[in-house]
Amino acid sequence: MTMLEKIVFIADATEKGRKYRNVNKLRKLLVTDIDAAIELSLSGTVSYIISKEETLFPDTVAALEYFRAKKRDFQTEGF
């Protein structure tokens, strides 16, 4: 995702009218770590869809895995 895509994604997920578990945590997190906020949002979406036994769009899972791998790569670099 480009930075603009990240901003649009997380802005939609955290807009004022959203009321779901972790939305306030997302709002705080996005100020300091937009990638972590996106990962948390995607994780919540995947969990919700699975709990409802709905069809999970493969690109959603791929995006979640991308952000998880990005975090792992960052952590293994010694930061």
PDB file of N, CA and C in Angstrom:
ATOM      1  N   MET A   1       0.840  -1.193   0.000  1.00  0.00           N
ATOM      2  CA  MET A   1       0.000   0.000   0.000  1.00  0.00           C
ATOM      3  C   MET A   1       0.875   1.242   0.000  1.00  0.00           C
ATOM      4  N   THR A   2       0.452   2.211  -0.751  1.00  0.00           N
ATOM      5  CA  THR A   2       1.122   3.505  -0.666  1.00  0.00           C
ATOM      6  C   THR A   2       0.654   4.184   0.626  1.00  0.00           C
ATOM      7  N   MET A   3       1.330   5.242   1.007  1.00  0.00           N
ATOM      8  CA  MET A   3       0.916   5.967   2.209  1.00  0.00           C
ATOM      9  C   MET A   3      -0.507   6.496   2.054  1.00  0.00           C
ATOM     10  N   LEU A   4      -0.843   6.982   0.871  1.00  0.00           N
ATOM     11  CA  LEU A   4      -2.197   7.477   0.639  1.00  0.00           C
ATOM     12  C   LEU A   4      -3.220   6.356   0.821  1.00  0.00           C
ATOM     13  N   GLU A   5      -2.930   5.181   0.292  1.00  0.00           N
ATOM     14  CA  GLU A   5      -3.841   4.036   0.455  1.00  0.00           C
ATOM     15  C   GLU A   5      -3.986   3.650   1.919  1.00  0.00           C
ATOM     16  N   LYS A   6      -2.891   3.696   2.651  1.00  0.00           N
ATOM     17  CA  LYS A   6      -2.945   3.395   4.083  1.00  0.00           C
ATOM     18  C   LYS A   6      -3.836   4.402   4.806  1.00  0.00           C
ATOM     19  N   ILE A   7      -3.661   5.662   4.487  1.00  0.00           N
ATOM     20  CA  ILE A   7      -4.450   6.712   5.144  1.00  0.00           C
ATOM     21  C   ILE A   7      -5.932   6.540   4.846  1.00  0.00           C
ATOM     22  N   VAL A   8      -6.264   6.281   3.597  1.00  0.00           N
ATOM     23  CA  VAL A   8      -7.672   6.095   3.234  1.00  0.00           C
ATOM     24  C   VAL A   8      -8.249   4.860   3.927  1.00  0.00           C
ATOM     25  N   PHE A   9      -7.492   3.762   3.938  1.00  0.00           N
ATOM     26  CA  PHE A   9      -7.955   2.533   4.579  1.00  0.00           C
ATOM     27  C   PHE A   9      -8.243   2.763   6.063  1.00  0.00           C
ATOM     28  N   ILE A  10      -7.265   3.310   6.776  1.00  0.00           N
ATOM     29  CA  ILE A  10      -7.421   3.453   8.221  1.00  0.00           C
ATOM     30  C   ILE A  10      -8.394   4.573   8.572  1.00  0.00           C
ATOM     31  N   ALA A  11      -8.511   5.576   7.712  1.00  0.00           N
ATOM     32  CA  ALA A  11      -9.504   6.636   7.944  1.00  0.00           C
ATOM     33  C   ALA A  11     -10.909   6.056   7.878  1.00  0.00           C
ATOM     34  N   ASP A  12     -11.141   5.189   6.921  1.00  0.00           N
ATOM     35  CA  ASP A  12     -12.446   4.539   6.813  1.00  0.00           C
ATOM     36  C   ASP A  12     -12.713   3.652   8.031  1.00  0.00           C
ATOM     37  N   ALA A  13     -11.703   2.904   8.460  1.00  0.00           N
ATOM     38  CA  ALA A  13     -11.864   1.974   9.577  1.00  0.00           C
ATOM     39  C   ALA A  13     -12.085   2.685  10.909  1.00  0.00           C
ATOM     40  N   THR A  14     -11.618   3.927  11.007  1.00  0.00           N
ATOM     41  CA  THR A  14     -11.678   4.627  12.301  1.00  0.00           C
ATOM     42  C   THR A  14     -12.534   5.881  12.283  1.00  0.00           C
ATOM     43  N   GLU A  15     -13.298   6.076  11.208  1.00  0.00           N
ATOM     44  CA  GLU A  15     -14.101   7.311  11.144  1.00  0.00           C
ATOM     45  C   GLU A  15     -15.055   7.397  12.327  1.00  0.00           C
ATOM     46  N   LYS A  16     -15.472   8.606  12.598  1.00  0.00           N
ATOM     47  CA  LYS A  16     -16.231   8.941  13.812  1.00  0.00           C
ATOM     48  C   LYS A  16     -17.445   8.049  14.068  1.00  0.00           C
ATOM     49  N   GLY A  17     -18.117   7.601  13.032  1.00  0.00           N
ATOM     50  CA  GLY A  17     -19.316   6.791  13.195  1.00  0.00           C
ATOM     51  C   GLY A  17     -19.068   5.327  13.509  1.00  0.00           C
ATOM     52  N   ARG A  18     -17.804   4.889  13.454  1.00  0.00           N
ATOM     53  CA  ARG A  18     -17.493   3.472  13.711  1.00  0.00           C
ATOM     54  C   ARG A  18     -17.587   3.169  15.199  1.00  0.00           C
ATOM     55  N   LYS A  19     -18.262   2.063  15.502  1.00  0.00           N
ATOM     56  CA  LYS A  19     -18.409   1.642  16.900  1.00  0.00           C
ATOM     57  C   LYS A  19     -18.234   0.129  16.957  1.00  0.00           C
ATOM     58  N   TYR A  20     -17.011  -0.307  17.172  1.00  0.00           N
ATOM     59  CA  TYR A  20     -16.716  -1.722  17.321  1.00  0.00           C
ATOM     60  C   TYR A  20     -15.548  -1.867  18.279  1.00  0.00           C
ATOM     61  N   ARG A  21     -15.360  -3.076  18.767  1.00  0.00           N
ATOM     62  CA  ARG A  21     -14.274  -3.323  19.709  1.00  0.00           C
ATOM     63  C   ARG A  21     -12.946  -2.921  19.075  1.00  0.00           C
ATOM     64  N   ASN A  22     -12.118  -2.292  19.805  1.00  0.00           N
ATOM     65  CA  ASN A  22     -10.772  -1.851  19.416  1.00  0.00           C
ATOM     66  C   ASN A  22     -10.726  -0.602  18.548  1.00  0.00           C
ATOM     67  N   VAL A  23     -11.857  -0.005  18.221  1.00  0.00           N
ATOM     68  CA  VAL A  23     -11.801   1.188  17.366  1.00  0.00           C
ATOM     69  C   VAL A  23     -11.069   2.331  18.075  1.00  0.00           C
ATOM     70  N   ASN A  24     -11.271   2.485  19.365  1.00  0.00           N
ATOM     71  CA  ASN A  24     -10.556   3.548  20.089  1.00  0.00           C
ATOM     72  C   ASN A  24      -9.058   3.255  20.155  1.00  0.00           C
ATOM     73  N   LYS A  25      -8.719   1.985  20.328  1.00  0.00           N
ATOM     74  CA  LYS A  25      -7.309   1.589  20.320  1.00  0.00           C
ATOM     75  C   LYS A  25      -6.696   1.892  18.953  1.00  0.00           C
ATOM     76  N   LEU A  26      -7.424   1.598  17.894  1.00  0.00           N
ATOM     77  CA  LEU A  26      -6.947   1.900  16.536  1.00  0.00           C
ATOM     78  C   LEU A  26      -6.716   3.392  16.355  1.00  0.00           C
ATOM     79  N   ARG A  27      -7.655   4.191  16.839  1.00  0.00           N
ATOM     80  CA  ARG A  27      -7.542   5.652  16.694  1.00  0.00           C
ATOM     81  C   ARG A  27      -6.285   6.184  17.365  1.00  0.00           C
ATOM     82  N   LYS A  28      -5.940   5.628  18.518  1.00  0.00           N
ATOM     83  CA  LYS A  28      -4.734   6.059  19.224  1.00  0.00           C
ATOM     84  C   LYS A  28      -3.480   5.533  18.533  1.00  0.00           C
ATOM     85  N   LEU A  29      -3.527   4.274  18.109  1.00  0.00           N
ATOM     86  CA  LEU A  29      -2.374   3.636  17.502  1.00  0.00           C
ATOM     87  C   LEU A  29      -1.994   4.261  16.164  1.00  0.00           C
ATOM     88  N   LEU A  30      -2.963   4.651  15.379  1.00  0.00           N
ATOM     89  CA  LEU A  30      -2.660   5.169  14.042  1.00  0.00           C
ATOM     90  C   LEU A  30      -1.843   6.447  14.081  1.00  0.00           C
ATOM     91  N   VAL A  31      -1.881   7.144  15.194  1.00  0.00           N
ATOM     92  CA  VAL A  31      -1.097   8.379  15.323  1.00  0.00           C
ATOM     93  C   VAL A  31       0.404   8.074  15.406  1.00  0.00           C
ATOM     94  N   THR A  32       0.744   6.937  15.990  1.00  0.00           N
ATOM     95  CA  THR A  32       2.160   6.599  16.180  1.00  0.00           C
ATOM     96  C   THR A  32       2.668   5.511  15.240  1.00  0.00           C
ATOM     97  N   ASP A  33       1.767   4.623  14.777  1.00  0.00           N
ATOM     98  CA  ASP A  33       2.210   3.505  13.939  1.00  0.00           C
ATOM     99  C   ASP A  33       1.065   3.060  13.025  1.00  0.00           C
ATOM    100  N   ILE A  34       0.997   3.672  11.871  1.00  0.00           N
ATOM    101  CA  ILE A  34      -0.106   3.398  10.955  1.00  0.00           C
ATOM    102  C   ILE A  34      -0.113   1.938  10.495  1.00  0.00           C
ATOM    103  N   ASP A  35       1.075   1.346  10.304  1.00  0.00           N
ATOM    104  CA  ASP A  35       1.131  -0.053   9.880  1.00  0.00           C
ATOM    105  C   ASP A  35       0.570  -0.980  10.955  1.00  0.00           C
ATOM    106  N   ALA A  36       0.891  -0.717  12.209  1.00  0.00           N
ATOM    107  CA  ALA A  36       0.358  -1.528  13.302  1.00  0.00           C
ATOM    108  C   ALA A  36      -1.156  -1.366  13.405  1.00  0.00           C
ATOM    109  N   ALA A  37      -1.647  -0.157  13.177  1.00  0.00           N
ATOM    110  CA  ALA A  37      -3.089   0.082  13.208  1.00  0.00           C
ATOM    111  C   ALA A  37      -3.786  -0.678  12.081  1.00  0.00           C
ATOM    112  N   ILE A  38      -3.182  -0.684  10.908  1.00  0.00           N
ATOM    113  CA  ILE A  38      -3.762  -1.417   9.787  1.00  0.00           C
ATOM    114  C   ILE A  38      -3.752  -2.915  10.071  1.00  0.00           C
ATOM    115  N   GLU A  39      -2.651  -3.406  10.610  1.00  0.00           N
ATOM    116  CA  GLU A  39      -2.574  -4.830  10.962  1.00  0.00           C
ATOM    117  C   GLU A  39      -3.662  -5.202  11.966  1.00  0.00           C
ATOM    118  N   LEU A  40      -3.849  -4.391  12.989  1.00  0.00           N
ATOM    119  CA  LEU A  40      -4.880  -4.651  13.993  1.00  0.00           C
ATOM    120  C   LEU A  40      -6.271  -4.610  13.370  1.00  0.00           C
ATOM    121  N   SER A  41      -6.501  -3.659  12.500  1.00  0.00           N
ATOM    122  CA  SER A  41      -7.792  -3.553  11.827  1.00  0.00           C
ATOM    123  C   SER A  41      -8.064  -4.781  10.958  1.00  0.00           C
ATOM    124  N   LEU A  42      -7.082  -5.172  10.169  1.00  0.00           N
ATOM    125  CA  LEU A  42      -7.245  -6.353   9.314  1.00  0.00           C
ATOM    126  C   LEU A  42      -7.446  -7.619  10.140  1.00  0.00           C
ATOM    127  N   SER A  43      -6.708  -7.732  11.229  1.00  0.00           N
ATOM    128  CA  SER A  43      -6.855  -8.889  12.108  1.00  0.00           C
ATOM    129  C   SER A  43      -8.273  -8.969  12.672  1.00  0.00           C
ATOM    130  N   GLY A  44      -8.802  -7.833  13.075  1.00  0.00           N
ATOM    131  CA  GLY A  44     -10.172  -7.789  13.576  1.00  0.00           C
ATOM    132  C   GLY A  44     -11.182  -8.159  12.507  1.00  0.00           C
ATOM    133  N   THR A  45     -10.944  -7.697  11.298  1.00  0.00           N
ATOM    134  CA  THR A  45     -11.841  -8.018  10.187  1.00  0.00           C
ATOM    135  C   THR A  45     -11.832  -9.516   9.905  1.00  0.00           C
ATOM    136  N   VAL A  46     -10.644 -10.102   9.844  1.00  0.00           N
ATOM    137  CA  VAL A  46     -10.531 -11.540   9.589  1.00  0.00           C
ATOM    138  C   VAL A  46     -11.226 -12.329  10.687  1.00  0.00           C
ATOM    139  N   SER A  47     -10.986 -11.970  11.936  1.00  0.00           N
ATOM    140  CA  SER A  47     -11.624 -12.670  13.063  1.00  0.00           C
ATOM    141  C   SER A  47     -13.140 -12.554  12.990  1.00  0.00           C
ATOM    142  N   TYR A  48     -13.622 -11.387  12.675  1.00  0.00           N
ATOM    143  CA  TYR A  48     -15.070 -11.163  12.589  1.00  0.00           C
ATOM    144  C   TYR A  48     -15.694 -11.997  11.477  1.00  0.00           C
ATOM    145  N   ILE A  49     -15.098 -11.978  10.313  1.00  0.00           N
ATOM    146  CA  ILE A  49     -15.638 -12.732   9.177  1.00  0.00           C
ATOM    147  C   ILE A  49     -15.630 -14.227   9.475  1.00  0.00           C
ATOM    148  N   ILE A  50     -14.561 -14.714  10.066  1.00  0.00           N
ATOM    149  CA  ILE A  50     -14.484 -16.133  10.426  1.00  0.00           C
ATOM    150  C   ILE A  50     -15.549 -16.476  11.455  1.00  0.00           C
ATOM    151  N   SER A  51     -15.750 -15.620  12.453  1.00  0.00           N
ATOM    152  CA  SER A  51     -16.743 -15.902  13.501  1.00  0.00           C
ATOM    153  C   SER A  51     -18.162 -15.949  12.944  1.00  0.00           C
ATOM    154  N   LYS A  52     -18.400 -15.216  11.874  1.00  0.00           N
ATOM    155  CA  LYS A  52     -19.717 -15.196  11.235  1.00  0.00           C
ATOM    156  C   LYS A  52     -19.854 -16.292  10.180  1.00  0.00           C
ATOM    157  N   GLU A  53     -18.767 -17.044   9.975  1.00  0.00           N
ATOM    158  CA  GLU A  53     -18.727 -18.102   8.966  1.00  0.00           C
ATOM    159  C   GLU A  53     -19.094 -17.581   7.579  1.00  0.00           C
ATOM    160  N   GLU A  54     -18.595 -16.373   7.300  1.00  0.00           N
ATOM    161  CA  GLU A  54     -18.794 -15.734   6.008  1.00  0.00           C
ATOM    162  C   GLU A  54     -17.585 -16.030   5.117  1.00  0.00           C
ATOM    163  N   THR A  55     -17.692 -15.670   3.867  1.00  0.00           N
ATOM    164  CA  THR A  55     -16.586 -15.853   2.935  1.00  0.00           C
ATOM    165  C   THR A  55     -15.550 -14.758   3.155  1.00  0.00           C
ATOM    166  N   LEU A  56     -14.329 -15.180   3.345  1.00  0.00           N
ATOM    167  CA  LEU A  56     -13.226 -14.257   3.584  1.00  0.00           C
ATOM    168  C   LEU A  56     -12.516 -13.983   2.258  1.00  0.00           C
ATOM    169  N   PHE A  57     -12.427 -12.728   1.884  1.00  0.00           N
ATOM    170  CA  PHE A  57     -11.798 -12.335   0.637  1.00  0.00           C
ATOM    171  C   PHE A  57     -10.294 -12.593   0.734  1.00  0.00           C
ATOM    172  N   PRO A  58      -9.715 -13.344  -0.189  1.00  0.00           N
ATOM    173  CA  PRO A  58      -8.291 -13.704  -0.101  1.00  0.00           C
ATOM    174  C   PRO A  58      -7.344 -12.508  -0.004  1.00  0.00           C
ATOM    175  N   ASP A  59      -7.688 -11.399  -0.635  1.00  0.00           N
ATOM    176  CA  ASP A  59      -6.809 -10.229  -0.560  1.00  0.00           C
ATOM    177  C   ASP A  59      -6.747  -9.656   0.851  1.00  0.00           C
ATOM    178  N   THR A  60      -7.791  -9.855   1.633  1.00  0.00           N
ATOM    179  CA  THR A  60      -7.773  -9.394   3.027  1.00  0.00           C
ATOM    180  C   THR A  60      -6.739 -10.183   3.813  1.00  0.00           C
ATOM    181  N   VAL A  61      -6.736 -11.484   3.633  1.00  0.00           N
ATOM    182  CA  VAL A  61      -5.758 -12.347   4.306  1.00  0.00           C
ATOM    183  C   VAL A  61      -4.349 -12.009   3.826  1.00  0.00           C
ATOM    184  N   ALA A  62      -4.201 -11.809   2.539  1.00  0.00           N
ATOM    185  CA  ALA A  62      -2.886 -11.463   1.980  1.00  0.00           C
ATOM    186  C   ALA A  62      -2.373 -10.143   2.556  1.00  0.00           C
ATOM    187  N   ALA A  63      -3.252  -9.176   2.691  1.00  0.00           N
ATOM    188  CA  ALA A  63      -2.858  -7.883   3.267  1.00  0.00           C
ATOM    189  C   ALA A  63      -2.436  -8.047   4.723  1.00  0.00           C
ATOM    190  N   LEU A  64      -3.190  -8.828   5.473  1.00  0.00           N
ATOM    191  CA  LEU A  64      -2.830  -9.072   6.873  1.00  0.00           C
ATOM    192  C   LEU A  64      -1.461  -9.741   6.961  1.00  0.00           C
ATOM    193  N   GLU A  65      -1.236 -10.746   6.148  1.00  0.00           N
ATOM    194  CA  GLU A  65       0.051 -11.442   6.155  1.00  0.00           C
ATOM    195  C   GLU A  65       1.191 -10.510   5.752  1.00  0.00           C
ATOM    196  N   TYR A  66       0.930  -9.607   4.820  1.00  0.00           N
ATOM    197  CA  TYR A  66       1.932  -8.628   4.406  1.00  0.00           C
ATOM    198  C   TYR A  66       2.357  -7.760   5.589  1.00  0.00           C
ATOM    199  N   PHE A  67       1.393  -7.237   6.334  1.00  0.00           N
ATOM    200  CA  PHE A  67       1.721  -6.362   7.460  1.00  0.00           C
ATOM    201  C   PHE A  67       2.353  -7.138   8.611  1.00  0.00           C
ATOM    202  N   ARG A  68       1.952  -8.375   8.804  1.00  0.00           N
ATOM    203  CA  ARG A  68       2.605  -9.202   9.836  1.00  0.00           C
ATOM    204  C   ARG A  68       4.057  -9.487   9.462  1.00  0.00           C
ATOM    205  N   ALA A  69       4.292  -9.821   8.194  1.00  0.00           N
ATOM    206  CA  ALA A  69       5.661 -10.096   7.739  1.00  0.00           C
ATOM    207  C   ALA A  69       6.521  -8.836   7.823  1.00  0.00           C
ATOM    208  N   LYS A  70       5.938  -7.719   7.482  1.00  0.00           N
ATOM    209  CA  LYS A  70       6.654  -6.445   7.546  1.00  0.00           C
ATOM    210  C   LYS A  70       7.105  -6.162   8.980  1.00  0.00           C
ATOM    211  N   LYS A  71       6.219  -6.441   9.932  1.00  0.00           N
ATOM    212  CA  LYS A  71       6.556  -6.236  11.341  1.00  0.00           C
ATOM    213  C   LYS A  71       7.663  -7.203  11.768  1.00  0.00           C
ATOM    214  N   ARG A  72       7.545  -8.473  11.350  1.00  0.00           N
ATOM    215  CA  ARG A  72       8.577  -9.466  11.696  1.00  0.00           C
ATOM    216  C   ARG A  72       9.931  -9.051  11.128  1.00  0.00           C
ATOM    217  N   ASP A  73       9.928  -8.608   9.882  1.00  0.00           N
ATOM    218  CA  ASP A  73      11.182  -8.185   9.249  1.00  0.00           C
ATOM    219  C   ASP A  73      11.795  -7.017  10.008  1.00  0.00           C
ATOM    220  N   PHE A  74      10.982  -6.081  10.411  1.00  0.00           N
ATOM    221  CA  PHE A  74      11.457  -4.918  11.152  1.00  0.00           C
ATOM    222  C   PHE A  74      12.037  -5.345  12.502  1.00  0.00           C
ATOM    223  N   GLN A  75      11.359  -6.261  13.174  1.00  0.00           N
ATOM    224  CA  GLN A  75      11.821  -6.716  14.489  1.00  0.00           C
ATOM    225  C   GLN A  75      13.118  -7.503  14.397  1.00  0.00           C
ATOM    226  N   THR A  76      13.298  -8.271  13.333  1.00  0.00           N
ATOM    227  CA  THR A  76      14.524  -9.072  13.207  1.00  0.00           C
ATOM    228  C   THR A  76      15.725  -8.244  12.783  1.00  0.00           C
ATOM    229  N   GLU A  77      15.490  -7.022  12.353  1.00  0.00           N
ATOM    230  CA  GLU A  77      16.612  -6.149  11.996  1.00  0.00           C
ATOM    231  C   GLU A  77      17.263  -5.527  13.230  1.00  0.00           C
ATOM    232  N   GLY A  78      16.713  -5.818  14.414  1.00  0.00           N
ATOM    233  CA  GLY A  78      17.326  -5.339  15.645  1.00  0.00           C
ATOM    234  C   GLY A  78      16.817  -4.015  16.137  1.00  0.00           C
ATOM    235  N   PHE A  79      15.685  -3.579  15.653  1.00  0.00           N
ATOM    236  CA  PHE A  79      15.127  -2.300  16.099  1.00  0.00           C
ATOM    237  C   PHE A  79      14.238  -2.483  17.287  1.00  0.00           C
TER     238      PHE A  79
END
